[in-house]
Amino acid sequence: MKVTTKGQVTIPARIREYLDIGPHSEVDFRISGGSVVLVKHQKADPPEEPFSALRGVLKGAHSTASWMRATRGA
């Protein structure tokens, strides 16, 4: 396997199929015991937004106008 002038190599089809790598897939390279290992990138779950659990709990209970009146003391 040759490296291009841009530092690129072609991943053989059988390896792409085995790792289920397609166009625009992300891969990682790891060094292990003097060898370079190609692994399919594992995306971490995005952290949950702090207020996402509260989203929609007041739906239909009050209108925006009524909440504004209540919070402003009018």
N, C-alpha and C. Protein backbone atom coordinates (compact mmCIF):
# COMPACT_ATOMS: atom_id res chain seq x y z
N MET A 1 0.86 -1.16 0.00
CA MET A 1 0.00 0.00 0.00
C MET A 1 0.91 1.22 0.00
N LYS A 2 0.65 2.15 -0.90
CA LYS A 2 1.48 3.33 -1.01
C LYS A 2 0.77 4.55 -0.42
N VAL A 3 1.56 5.45 0.11
CA VAL A 3 1.06 6.71 0.65
C VAL A 3 1.19 7.76 -0.44
N THR A 4 0.12 8.54 -0.66
CA THR A 4 0.16 9.59 -1.68
C THR A 4 0.99 10.77 -1.18
N THR A 5 1.24 11.72 -2.07
CA THR A 5 1.99 12.92 -1.68
C THR A 5 1.24 13.74 -0.64
N LYS A 6 -0.08 13.52 -0.53
CA LYS A 6 -0.89 14.21 0.48
C LYS A 6 -0.98 13.41 1.78
N GLY A 7 -0.28 12.30 1.88
CA GLY A 7 -0.30 11.48 3.09
C GLY A 7 -1.52 10.58 3.19
N GLN A 8 -2.16 10.29 2.05
CA GLN A 8 -3.38 9.48 2.06
C GLN A 8 -3.09 8.06 1.61
N VAL A 9 -3.90 7.13 2.13
CA VAL A 9 -3.86 5.74 1.68
C VAL A 9 -5.30 5.30 1.44
N THR A 10 -5.47 4.29 0.63
CA THR A 10 -6.80 3.73 0.40
C THR A 10 -7.01 2.56 1.34
N ILE A 11 -8.11 2.58 2.07
CA ILE A 11 -8.44 1.46 2.96
C ILE A 11 -9.04 0.37 2.07
N PRO A 12 -8.48 -0.83 2.09
CA PRO A 12 -9.00 -1.90 1.24
C PRO A 12 -10.48 -2.18 1.51
N ALA A 13 -11.20 -2.55 0.46
CA ALA A 13 -12.65 -2.76 0.52
C ALA A 13 -13.03 -3.75 1.62
N ARG A 14 -12.28 -4.84 1.77
CA ARG A 14 -12.67 -5.85 2.78
C ARG A 14 -12.59 -5.28 4.20
N ILE A 15 -11.64 -4.36 4.44
CA ILE A 15 -11.53 -3.74 5.76
C ILE A 15 -12.66 -2.72 5.95
N ARG A 16 -12.97 -1.94 4.91
CA ARG A 16 -14.09 -0.99 5.00
C ARG A 16 -15.39 -1.71 5.28
N GLU A 17 -15.59 -2.84 4.62
CA GLU A 17 -16.82 -3.62 4.84
C GLU A 17 -16.85 -4.18 6.26
N TYR A 18 -15.72 -4.71 6.72
CA TYR A 18 -15.65 -5.30 8.06
C TYR A 18 -15.96 -4.26 9.13
N LEU A 19 -15.42 -3.05 8.98
CA LEU A 19 -15.63 -1.98 9.97
C LEU A 19 -16.87 -1.14 9.68
N ASP A 20 -17.57 -1.46 8.59
CA ASP A 20 -18.76 -0.70 8.18
C ASP A 20 -18.40 0.79 8.01
N ILE A 21 -17.35 1.03 7.25
CA ILE A 21 -16.87 2.38 6.97
C ILE A 21 -17.32 2.75 5.57
N GLY A 22 -17.99 3.88 5.46
CA GLY A 22 -18.44 4.38 4.16
C GLY A 22 -17.93 5.78 3.96
N PRO A 23 -18.34 6.41 2.86
CA PRO A 23 -17.94 7.80 2.62
C PRO A 23 -18.33 8.69 3.80
N HIS A 24 -17.46 9.56 4.19
CA HIS A 24 -17.65 10.54 5.28
C HIS A 24 -17.65 9.90 6.67
N SER A 25 -17.32 8.61 6.76
CA SER A 25 -17.18 7.99 8.08
C SER A 25 -15.95 8.56 8.76
N GLU A 26 -15.96 8.57 10.07
CA GLU A 26 -14.80 9.04 10.82
C GLU A 26 -14.06 7.84 11.38
N VAL A 27 -12.73 7.89 11.29
CA VAL A 27 -11.90 6.82 11.83
C VAL A 27 -10.84 7.42 12.74
N ASP A 28 -10.30 6.60 13.61
CA ASP A 28 -9.23 7.01 14.51
C ASP A 28 -8.04 6.10 14.26
N PHE A 29 -6.85 6.62 14.51
CA PHE A 29 -5.63 5.84 14.45
C PHE A 29 -5.05 5.75 15.85
N ARG A 30 -4.69 4.54 16.24
CA ARG A 30 -4.11 4.33 17.57
C ARG A 30 -2.79 3.61 17.41
N ILE A 31 -1.84 3.95 18.25
CA ILE A 31 -0.55 3.28 18.24
C ILE A 31 -0.56 2.22 19.33
N SER A 32 -0.26 0.99 18.93
CA SER A 32 -0.29 -0.13 19.88
C SER A 32 0.90 -1.04 19.62
N GLY A 33 1.82 -1.07 20.56
CA GLY A 33 2.97 -1.96 20.45
C GLY A 33 3.80 -1.74 19.20
N GLY A 34 3.99 -0.48 18.80
CA GLY A 34 4.79 -0.18 17.63
C GLY A 34 4.04 -0.28 16.31
N SER A 35 2.75 -0.58 16.37
CA SER A 35 1.92 -0.66 15.16
C SER A 35 0.86 0.42 15.21
N VAL A 36 0.37 0.80 14.05
CA VAL A 36 -0.73 1.76 13.96
C VAL A 36 -2.00 0.96 13.69
N VAL A 37 -3.03 1.21 14.47
CA VAL A 37 -4.29 0.48 14.36
C VAL A 37 -5.38 1.45 13.94
N LEU A 38 -6.14 1.06 12.91
CA LEU A 38 -7.27 1.85 12.42
C LEU A 38 -8.53 1.35 13.11
N VAL A 39 -9.28 2.26 13.72
CA VAL A 39 -10.55 1.89 14.37
C VAL A 39 -11.63 2.86 13.92
N LYS A 40 -12.86 2.36 13.83
CA LYS A 40 -13.98 3.22 13.50
C LYS A 40 -14.24 4.14 14.68
N HIS A 41 -14.41 5.42 14.40
CA HIS A 41 -14.61 6.42 15.46
C HIS A 41 -15.93 6.16 16.17
N GLN A 42 -15.90 6.13 17.49
CA GLN A 42 -17.10 5.95 18.30
C GLN A 42 -17.52 7.31 18.85
N LYS A 43 -18.66 7.79 18.43
CA LYS A 43 -19.13 9.09 18.91
C LYS A 43 -19.65 8.97 20.33
N ALA A 44 -19.28 9.92 21.15
CA ALA A 44 -19.77 9.96 22.53
C ALA A 44 -21.18 10.55 22.53
N ASP A 45 -22.00 10.10 23.44
CA ASP A 45 -23.34 10.67 23.56
C ASP A 45 -23.21 12.12 23.98
N PRO A 46 -23.96 13.00 23.33
CA PRO A 46 -23.87 14.41 23.72
C PRO A 46 -24.41 14.60 25.14
N PRO A 47 -23.81 15.49 25.90
CA PRO A 47 -24.31 15.71 27.25
C PRO A 47 -25.73 16.27 27.20
N GLU A 48 -26.54 15.84 28.15
CA GLU A 48 -27.93 16.31 28.18
C GLU A 48 -27.97 17.76 28.64
N GLU A 49 -28.80 18.53 27.97
CA GLU A 49 -28.95 19.92 28.37
C GLU A 49 -29.57 19.98 29.75
N PRO A 50 -29.16 20.94 30.58
CA PRO A 50 -29.64 20.97 31.96
C PRO A 50 -31.16 21.10 32.09
N PHE A 51 -31.81 21.75 31.15
CA PHE A 51 -33.25 21.98 31.29
C PHE A 51 -34.08 21.11 30.35
N SER A 52 -33.45 20.18 29.63
CA SER A 52 -34.20 19.38 28.67
C SER A 52 -35.27 18.52 29.34
N ALA A 53 -35.05 18.09 30.57
CA ALA A 53 -36.06 17.28 31.27
C ALA A 53 -37.31 18.09 31.59
N LEU A 54 -37.16 19.41 31.67
CA LEU A 54 -38.30 20.27 32.01
C LEU A 54 -39.08 20.73 30.79
N ARG A 55 -38.52 20.52 29.61
CA ARG A 55 -39.14 21.01 28.39
C ARG A 55 -40.54 20.42 28.22
N GLY A 56 -41.54 21.28 28.12
CA GLY A 56 -42.90 20.85 27.85
C GLY A 56 -43.74 20.53 29.08
N VAL A 57 -43.21 20.64 30.30
CA VAL A 57 -43.99 20.26 31.48
C VAL A 57 -45.16 21.20 31.74
N LEU A 58 -45.08 22.43 31.29
CA LEU A 58 -46.16 23.39 31.52
C LEU A 58 -47.03 23.59 30.28
N LYS A 59 -46.83 22.78 29.29
CA LYS A 59 -47.55 22.95 28.03
C LYS A 59 -49.06 22.92 28.27
N GLY A 60 -49.71 23.96 27.82
CA GLY A 60 -51.16 24.04 27.91
C GLY A 60 -51.67 24.52 29.26
N ALA A 61 -50.83 24.62 30.27
CA ALA A 61 -51.28 25.03 31.60
C ALA A 61 -51.62 26.52 31.62
N HIS A 62 -50.77 27.35 31.06
CA HIS A 62 -50.99 28.78 31.04
C HIS A 62 -50.46 29.36 29.73
N SER A 63 -50.97 30.50 29.37
CA SER A 63 -50.45 31.19 28.20
C SER A 63 -49.23 32.02 28.62
N THR A 64 -48.47 32.44 27.63
CA THR A 64 -47.32 33.29 27.92
C THR A 64 -47.77 34.57 28.61
N ALA A 65 -48.87 35.13 28.15
CA ALA A 65 -49.37 36.38 28.73
C ALA A 65 -49.73 36.19 30.21
N SER A 66 -50.36 35.06 30.55
CA SER A 66 -50.72 34.84 31.95
C SER A 66 -49.49 34.65 32.82
N TRP A 67 -48.44 33.97 32.29
CA TRP A 67 -47.20 33.82 33.03
C TRP A 67 -46.52 35.17 33.23
N MET A 68 -46.55 36.01 32.22
CA MET A 68 -45.95 37.33 32.34
C MET A 68 -46.65 38.16 33.41
N ARG A 69 -47.98 38.08 33.42
CA ARG A 69 -48.74 38.82 34.45
C ARG A 69 -48.41 38.29 35.84
N ALA A 70 -48.34 36.99 35.99
CA ALA A 70 -48.08 36.37 37.28
C ALA A 70 -46.68 36.71 37.79
N THR A 71 -45.70 36.69 36.93
CA THR A 71 -44.33 36.94 37.36
C THR A 71 -44.04 38.41 37.58
N ARG A 72 -44.82 39.27 36.96
CA ARG A 72 -44.63 40.71 37.14
C ARG A 72 -45.51 41.27 38.25
N GLY A 73 -46.36 40.44 38.80
CA GLY A 73 -47.22 40.87 39.90
C GLY A 73 -48.35 41.79 39.48
N ALA A 74 -48.70 41.74 38.20
CA ALA A 74 -49.78 42.61 37.71
C ALA A 74 -51.10 41.88 37.70
